[in-house]
Amino acid sequence: AYFVLTENAPEIDDLFLSLYFERVR
């Protein structure tokens, strides 16, 4: 799991998406 500040969430989400992170809700 990765933790991120709310204001930085969109940027970090794009980063992990580029690394092929598969999110599980």
PDB file of all heavy atoms in Angstrom:
ATOM      1  N   ALA A   1       0.861  -1.189   0.000  1.00  0.00           N
ATOM      2  CA  ALA A   1       0.000   0.000   0.000  1.00  0.00           C
ATOM      3  C   ALA A   1       0.896   1.239   0.000  1.00  0.00           C
ATOM      4  O   ALA A   1       2.008   1.221   0.548  1.00  0.00           O
ATOM      5  CB  ALA A   1      -0.919  -0.006   1.217  1.00  0.00           C
ATOM      6  N   TYR A   2       0.432   2.284  -0.614  1.00  0.00           N
ATOM      7  CA  TYR A   2       1.169   3.548  -0.533  1.00  0.00           C
ATOM      8  C   TYR A   2       0.269   4.611   0.073  1.00  0.00           C
ATOM      9  O   TYR A   2      -0.939   4.624  -0.127  1.00  0.00           O
ATOM     10  CB  TYR A   2       1.732   3.975  -1.887  1.00  0.00           C
ATOM     11  CG  TYR A   2       0.730   4.320  -2.964  1.00  0.00           C
ATOM     12  CD1 TYR A   2       0.217   5.613  -3.076  1.00  0.00           C
ATOM     13  CD2 TYR A   2       0.331   3.364  -3.913  1.00  0.00           C
ATOM     14  CE1 TYR A   2      -0.675   5.941  -4.082  1.00  0.00           C
ATOM     15  CE2 TYR A   2      -0.564   3.676  -4.922  1.00  0.00           C
ATOM     16  CZ  TYR A   2      -1.070   4.975  -5.006  1.00  0.00           C
ATOM     17  OH  TYR A   2      -1.958   5.304  -5.987  1.00  0.00           O
ATOM     18  N   PHE A   3       0.922   5.464   0.870  1.00  0.00           N
ATOM     19  CA  PHE A   3       0.239   6.536   1.591  1.00  0.00           C
ATOM     20  C   PHE A   3       0.689   7.863   0.996  1.00  0.00           C
ATOM     21  O   PHE A   3       1.880   8.064   0.731  1.00  0.00           O
ATOM     22  CB  PHE A   3       0.577   6.479   3.083  1.00  0.00           C
ATOM     23  CG  PHE A   3       0.189   5.173   3.742  1.00  0.00           C
ATOM     24  CD1 PHE A   3       1.013   4.050   3.672  1.00  0.00           C
ATOM     25  CD2 PHE A   3      -1.012   5.071   4.422  1.00  0.00           C
ATOM     26  CE1 PHE A   3       0.648   2.864   4.272  1.00  0.00           C
ATOM     27  CE2 PHE A   3      -1.374   3.871   5.030  1.00  0.00           C
ATOM     28  CZ  PHE A   3      -0.553   2.767   4.959  1.00  0.00           C
ATOM     29  N   VAL A   4      -0.246   8.769   0.840  1.00  0.00           N
ATOM     30  CA  VAL A   4       0.063  10.032   0.196  1.00  0.00           C
ATOM     31  C   VAL A   4      -0.880  11.102   0.739  1.00  0.00           C
ATOM     32  O   VAL A   4      -2.025  10.814   1.146  1.00  0.00           O
ATOM     33  CB  VAL A   4      -0.091   9.902  -1.338  1.00  0.00           C
ATOM     34  CG1 VAL A   4      -1.505   9.544  -1.720  1.00  0.00           C
ATOM     35  CG2 VAL A   4       0.354  11.162  -2.041  1.00  0.00           C
ATOM     36  N   LEU A   5      -0.379  12.359   0.786  1.00  0.00           N
ATOM     37  CA  LEU A   5      -1.245  13.464   1.184  1.00  0.00           C
ATOM     38  C   LEU A   5      -2.346  13.660   0.148  1.00  0.00           C
ATOM     39  O   LEU A   5      -2.137  13.422  -1.047  1.00  0.00           O
ATOM     40  CB  LEU A   5      -0.427  14.747   1.335  1.00  0.00           C
ATOM     41  CG  LEU A   5       0.623  14.746   2.467  1.00  0.00           C
ATOM     42  CD1 LEU A   5       1.436  16.027   2.415  1.00  0.00           C
ATOM     43  CD2 LEU A   5      -0.035  14.586   3.830  1.00  0.00           C
ATOM     44  N   THR A   6      -3.495  14.110   0.619  1.00  0.00           N
ATOM     45  CA  THR A   6      -4.647  14.268  -0.264  1.00  0.00           C
ATOM     46  C   THR A   6      -4.334  15.177  -1.441  1.00  0.00           C
ATOM     47  O   THR A   6      -4.718  14.892  -2.585  1.00  0.00           O
ATOM     48  CB  THR A   6      -5.836  14.830   0.523  1.00  0.00           C
ATOM     49  OG1 THR A   6      -6.135  13.941   1.618  1.00  0.00           O
ATOM     50  CG2 THR A   6      -7.072  14.956  -0.367  1.00  0.00           C
ATOM     51  N   GLU A   7      -3.595  16.245  -1.183  1.00  0.00           N
ATOM     52  CA  GLU A   7      -3.314  17.209  -2.246  1.00  0.00           C
ATOM     53  C   GLU A   7      -2.356  16.653  -3.299  1.00  0.00           C
ATOM     54  O   GLU A   7      -2.321  17.112  -4.436  1.00  0.00           O
ATOM     55  CB  GLU A   7      -2.737  18.495  -1.647  1.00  0.00           C
ATOM     56  CG  GLU A   7      -1.431  18.259  -0.873  1.00  0.00           C
ATOM     57  CD  GLU A   7      -0.944  19.511  -0.152  1.00  0.00           C
ATOM     58  OE1 GLU A   7      -1.752  20.440   0.052  1.00  0.00           O
ATOM     59  OE2 GLU A   7       0.250  19.534   0.194  1.00  0.00           O
ATOM     60  N   ASN A   8      -1.555  15.623  -2.922  1.00  0.00           N
ATOM     61  CA  ASN A   8      -0.599  15.030  -3.874  1.00  0.00           C
ATOM     62  C   ASN A   8      -1.117  13.723  -4.499  1.00  0.00           C
ATOM     63  O   ASN A   8      -0.406  13.086  -5.281  1.00  0.00           O
ATOM     64  CB  ASN A   8       0.732  14.741  -3.172  1.00  0.00           C
ATOM     65  CG  ASN A   8       1.415  16.002  -2.679  1.00  0.00           C
ATOM     66  OD1 ASN A   8       1.344  17.050  -3.323  1.00  0.00           O
ATOM     67  ND2 ASN A   8       2.057  15.924  -1.511  1.00  0.00           N
ATOM     68  N   ALA A   9      -2.311  13.325  -4.125  1.00  0.00           N
ATOM     69  CA  ALA A   9      -2.824  12.024  -4.565  1.00  0.00           C
ATOM     70  C   ALA A   9      -2.889  11.886  -6.082  1.00  0.00           C
ATOM     71  O   ALA A   9      -2.461  10.863  -6.629  1.00  0.00           O
ATOM     72  CB  ALA A   9      -4.201  11.764  -3.942  1.00  0.00           C
ATOM     73  N   PRO A  10      -3.426  12.854  -6.851  1.00  0.00           N
ATOM     74  CA  PRO A  10      -3.494  12.680  -8.313  1.00  0.00           C
ATOM     75  C   PRO A  10      -2.134  12.436  -8.946  1.00  0.00           C
ATOM     76  O   PRO A  10      -1.986  11.585  -9.831  1.00  0.00           O
ATOM     77  CB  PRO A  10      -4.118  13.994  -8.802  1.00  0.00           C
ATOM     78  CG  PRO A  10      -4.901  14.491  -7.630  1.00  0.00           C
ATOM     79  CD  PRO A  10      -4.100  14.110  -6.425  1.00  0.00           C
ATOM     80  N   GLU A  11      -1.109  13.183  -8.486  1.00  0.00           N
ATOM     81  CA  GLU A  11       0.239  13.038  -9.060  1.00  0.00           C
ATOM     82  C   GLU A  11       0.819  11.658  -8.757  1.00  0.00           C
ATOM     83  O   GLU A  11       1.367  10.989  -9.644  1.00  0.00           O
ATOM     84  CB  GLU A  11       1.139  14.129  -8.479  1.00  0.00           C
ATOM     85  CG  GLU A  11       2.603  14.000  -8.908  1.00  0.00           C
ATOM     86  CD  GLU A  11       3.525  14.948  -8.131  1.00  0.00           C
ATOM     87  OE1 GLU A  11       3.015  15.802  -7.387  1.00  0.00           O
ATOM     88  OE2 GLU A  11       4.744  14.792  -8.288  1.00  0.00           O
ATOM     89  N   ILE A  12       0.692  11.212  -7.509  1.00  0.00           N
ATOM     90  CA  ILE A  12       1.268   9.920  -7.116  1.00  0.00           C
ATOM     91  C   ILE A  12       0.480   8.773  -7.745  1.00  0.00           C
ATOM     92  O   ILE A  12       1.044   7.735  -8.112  1.00  0.00           O
ATOM     93  CB  ILE A  12       1.296   9.801  -5.584  1.00  0.00           C
ATOM     94  CG1 ILE A  12       2.132  10.950  -4.993  1.00  0.00           C
ATOM     95  CG2 ILE A  12       1.871   8.465  -5.153  1.00  0.00           C
ATOM     96  CD1 ILE A  12       3.549  11.039  -5.548  1.00  0.00           C
ATOM     97  N   ASP A  13      -0.837   8.956  -7.896  1.00  0.00           N
ATOM     98  CA  ASP A  13      -1.633   7.916  -8.572  1.00  0.00           C
ATOM     99  C   ASP A  13      -1.150   7.711  -9.999  1.00  0.00           C
ATOM    100  O   ASP A  13      -1.039   6.572 -10.480  1.00  0.00           O
ATOM    101  CB  ASP A  13      -3.115   8.304  -8.570  1.00  0.00           C
ATOM    102  CG  ASP A  13      -3.751   8.153  -7.193  1.00  0.00           C
ATOM    103  OD1 ASP A  13      -3.162   7.446  -6.347  1.00  0.00           O
ATOM    104  OD2 ASP A  13      -4.829   8.741  -6.972  1.00  0.00           O
ATOM    105  N   ASP A  14      -0.847   8.797 -10.701  1.00  0.00           N
ATOM    106  CA  ASP A  14      -0.333   8.684 -12.071  1.00  0.00           C
ATOM    107  C   ASP A  14       1.018   7.992 -12.084  1.00  0.00           C
ATOM    108  O   ASP A  14       1.321   7.209 -12.992  1.00  0.00           O
ATOM    109  CB  ASP A  14      -0.215  10.075 -12.696  1.00  0.00           C
ATOM    110  CG  ASP A  14      -1.575  10.692 -12.981  1.00  0.00           C
ATOM    111  OD1 ASP A  14      -2.557   9.931 -13.043  1.00  0.00           O
ATOM    112  OD2 ASP A  14      -1.648  11.926 -13.133  1.00  0.00           O
ATOM    113  N   LEU A  15       1.854   8.297 -11.073  1.00  0.00           N
ATOM    114  CA  LEU A  15       3.172   7.672 -10.999  1.00  0.00           C
ATOM    115  C   LEU A  15       3.050   6.162 -10.853  1.00  0.00           C
ATOM    116  O   LEU A  15       3.688   5.392 -11.590  1.00  0.00           O
ATOM    117  CB  LEU A  15       3.949   8.261  -9.812  1.00  0.00           C
ATOM    118  CG  LEU A  15       5.261   7.531  -9.439  1.00  0.00           C
ATOM    119  CD1 LEU A  15       6.261   7.613 -10.580  1.00  0.00           C
ATOM    120  CD2 LEU A  15       5.846   8.103  -8.156  1.00  0.00           C
ATOM    121  N   PHE A  16       2.240   5.716  -9.891  1.00  0.00           N
ATOM    122  CA  PHE A  16       2.089   4.276  -9.678  1.00  0.00           C
ATOM    123  C   PHE A  16       1.385   3.599 -10.857  1.00  0.00           C
ATOM    124  O   PHE A  16       1.655   2.432 -11.164  1.00  0.00           O
ATOM    125  CB  PHE A  16       1.325   4.019  -8.367  1.00  0.00           C
ATOM    126  CG  PHE A  16       2.220   3.974  -7.163  1.00  0.00           C
ATOM    127  CD1 PHE A  16       2.604   5.138  -6.515  1.00  0.00           C
ATOM    128  CD2 PHE A  16       2.718   2.770  -6.690  1.00  0.00           C
ATOM    129  CE1 PHE A  16       3.433   5.106  -5.411  1.00  0.00           C
ATOM    130  CE2 PHE A  16       3.554   2.726  -5.586  1.00  0.00           C
ATOM    131  CZ  PHE A  16       3.926   3.892  -4.948  1.00  0.00           C
ATOM    132  N   LEU A  17       0.506   4.342 -11.508  1.00  0.00           N
ATOM    133  CA  LEU A  17      -0.131   3.781 -12.696  1.00  0.00           C
ATOM    134  C   LEU A  17       0.899   3.507 -13.789  1.00  0.00           C
ATOM    135  O   LEU A  17       0.814   2.502 -14.501  1.00  0.00           O
ATOM    136  CB  LEU A  17      -1.214   4.731 -13.206  1.00  0.00           C
ATOM    137  CG  LEU A  17      -2.064   4.229 -14.378  1.00  0.00           C
ATOM    138  CD1 LEU A  17      -2.829   2.978 -13.973  1.00  0.00           C
ATOM    139  CD2 LEU A  17      -3.020   5.312 -14.854  1.00  0.00           C
ATOM    140  N   SER A  18       1.875   4.389 -13.926  1.00  0.00           N
ATOM    141  CA  SER A  18       2.935   4.195 -14.929  1.00  0.00           C
ATOM    142  C   SER A  18       3.824   3.003 -14.590  1.00  0.00           C
ATOM    143  O   SER A  18       4.486   2.451 -15.461  1.00  0.00           O
ATOM    144  CB  SER A  18       3.790   5.465 -15.047  1.00  0.00           C
ATOM    145  OG  SER A  18       4.537   5.688 -13.857  1.00  0.00           O
ATOM    146  N   LEU A  19       3.854   2.638 -13.282  1.00  0.00           N
ATOM    147  CA  LEU A  19       4.634   1.472 -12.855  1.00  0.00           C
ATOM    148  C   LEU A  19       3.785   0.193 -12.852  1.00  0.00           C
ATOM    149  O   LEU A  19       4.224  -0.830 -12.345  1.00  0.00           O
ATOM    150  CB  LEU A  19       5.198   1.716 -11.451  1.00  0.00           C
ATOM    151  CG  LEU A  19       6.189   2.887 -11.324  1.00  0.00           C
ATOM    152  CD1 LEU A  19       6.567   3.098  -9.864  1.00  0.00           C
ATOM    153  CD2 LEU A  19       7.440   2.640 -12.157  1.00  0.00           C
ATOM    154  N   TYR A  20       2.565   0.287 -13.420  1.00  0.00           N
ATOM    155  CA  TYR A  20       1.643  -0.849 -13.543  1.00  0.00           C
ATOM    156  C   TYR A  20       1.137  -1.353 -12.186  1.00  0.00           C
ATOM    157  O   TYR A  20       0.977  -2.548 -11.959  1.00  0.00           O
ATOM    158  CB  TYR A  20       2.289  -2.001 -14.319  1.00  0.00           C
ATOM    159  CG  TYR A  20       2.725  -1.604 -15.704  1.00  0.00           C
ATOM    160  CD1 TYR A  20       4.066  -1.351 -15.978  1.00  0.00           C
ATOM    161  CD2 TYR A  20       1.796  -1.442 -16.716  1.00  0.00           C
ATOM    162  CE1 TYR A  20       4.471  -0.945 -17.250  1.00  0.00           C
ATOM    163  CE2 TYR A  20       2.196  -1.049 -17.989  1.00  0.00           C
ATOM    164  CZ  TYR A  20       3.534  -0.791 -18.250  1.00  0.00           C
ATOM    165  OH  TYR A  20       3.922  -0.392 -19.503  1.00  0.00           O
ATOM    166  N   PHE A  21       0.892  -0.393 -11.299  1.00  0.00           N
ATOM    167  CA  PHE A  21       0.301  -0.729 -10.009  1.00  0.00           C
ATOM    168  C   PHE A  21      -1.167  -1.116 -10.224  1.00  0.00           C
ATOM    169  O   PHE A  21      -1.920  -0.396 -10.875  1.00  0.00           O
ATOM    170  CB  PHE A  21       0.397   0.471  -9.058  1.00  0.00           C
ATOM    171  CG  PHE A  21      -0.207   0.224  -7.698  1.00  0.00           C
ATOM    172  CD1 PHE A  21       0.475  -0.507  -6.746  1.00  0.00           C
ATOM    173  CD2 PHE A  21      -1.462   0.735  -7.373  1.00  0.00           C
ATOM    174  CE1 PHE A  21      -0.075  -0.726  -5.485  1.00  0.00           C
ATOM    175  CE2 PHE A  21      -2.011   0.525  -6.121  1.00  0.00           C
ATOM    176  CZ  PHE A  21      -1.319  -0.211  -5.180  1.00  0.00           C
ATOM    177  N   GLU A  22      -1.562  -2.283  -9.699  1.00  0.00           N
ATOM    178  CA  GLU A  22      -2.939  -2.758  -9.822  1.00  0.00           C
ATOM    179  C   GLU A  22      -3.657  -2.510  -8.494  1.00  0.00           C
ATOM    180  O   GLU A  22      -3.435  -3.208  -7.514  1.00  0.00           O
ATOM    181  CB  GLU A  22      -2.969  -4.241 -10.179  1.00  0.00           C
ATOM    182  CG  GLU A  22      -2.330  -4.552 -11.522  1.00  0.00           C
ATOM    183  CD  GLU A  22      -2.322  -6.026 -11.827  1.00  0.00           C
ATOM    184  OE1 GLU A  22      -3.001  -6.791 -11.083  1.00  0.00           O
ATOM    185  OE2 GLU A  22      -1.646  -6.440 -12.780  1.00  0.00           O
ATOM    186  N   ARG A  23      -4.501  -1.501  -8.508  1.00  0.00           N
ATOM    187  CA  ARG A  23      -5.180  -1.115  -7.280  1.00  0.00           C
ATOM    188  C   ARG A  23      -6.311  -2.089  -6.955  1.00  0.00           C
ATOM    189  O   ARG A  23      -7.039  -2.519  -7.840  1.00  0.00           O
ATOM    190  CB  ARG A  23      -5.733   0.304  -7.406  1.00  0.00           C
ATOM    191  CG  ARG A  23      -6.385   0.815  -6.131  1.00  0.00           C
ATOM    192  CD  ARG A  23      -6.886   2.227  -6.298  1.00  0.00           C
ATOM    193  NE  ARG A  23      -7.591   2.678  -5.120  1.00  0.00           N
ATOM    194  CZ  ARG A  23      -8.184   3.865  -4.990  1.00  0.00           C
ATOM    195  NH1 ARG A  23      -8.147   4.726  -6.010  1.00  0.00           N
ATOM    196  NH2 ARG A  23      -8.810   4.199  -3.878  1.00  0.00           N
ATOM    197  N   VAL A  24      -6.433  -2.415  -5.688  1.00  0.00           N
ATOM    198  CA  VAL A  24      -7.513  -3.273  -5.193  1.00  0.00           C
ATOM    199  C   VAL A  24      -8.295  -2.487  -4.154  1.00  0.00           C
ATOM    200  O   VAL A  24      -7.718  -1.980  -3.190  1.00  0.00           O
ATOM    201  CB  VAL A  24      -6.956  -4.570  -4.570  1.00  0.00           C
ATOM    202  CG1 VAL A  24      -8.088  -5.388  -3.949  1.00  0.00           C
ATOM    203  CG2 VAL A  24      -6.230  -5.390  -5.613  1.00  0.00           C
ATOM    204  N   ARG A  25      -9.590  -2.391  -4.386  1.00  0.00           N
ATOM    205  CA  ARG A  25     -10.427  -1.642  -3.446  1.00  0.00           C
ATOM    206  C   ARG A  25     -10.939  -2.579  -2.350  1.00  0.00           C
ATOM    207  O   ARG A  25     -11.505  -3.638  -2.635  1.00  0.00           O
ATOM    208  CB  ARG A  25     -11.602  -0.998  -4.178  1.00  0.00           C
ATOM    209  CG  ARG A  25     -11.144   0.012  -5.230  1.00  0.00           C
ATOM    210  CD  ARG A  25     -12.313   0.725  -5.865  1.00  0.00           C
ATOM    211  NE  ARG A  25     -11.855   1.639  -6.909  1.00  0.00           N
ATOM    212  CZ  ARG A  25     -11.445   2.887  -6.684  1.00  0.00           C
ATOM    213  NH1 ARG A  25     -11.452   3.357  -5.434  1.00  0.00           N
ATOM    214  NH2 ARG A  25     -11.041   3.653  -7.670  1.00  0.00           N
TER     215      ARG A  25
END
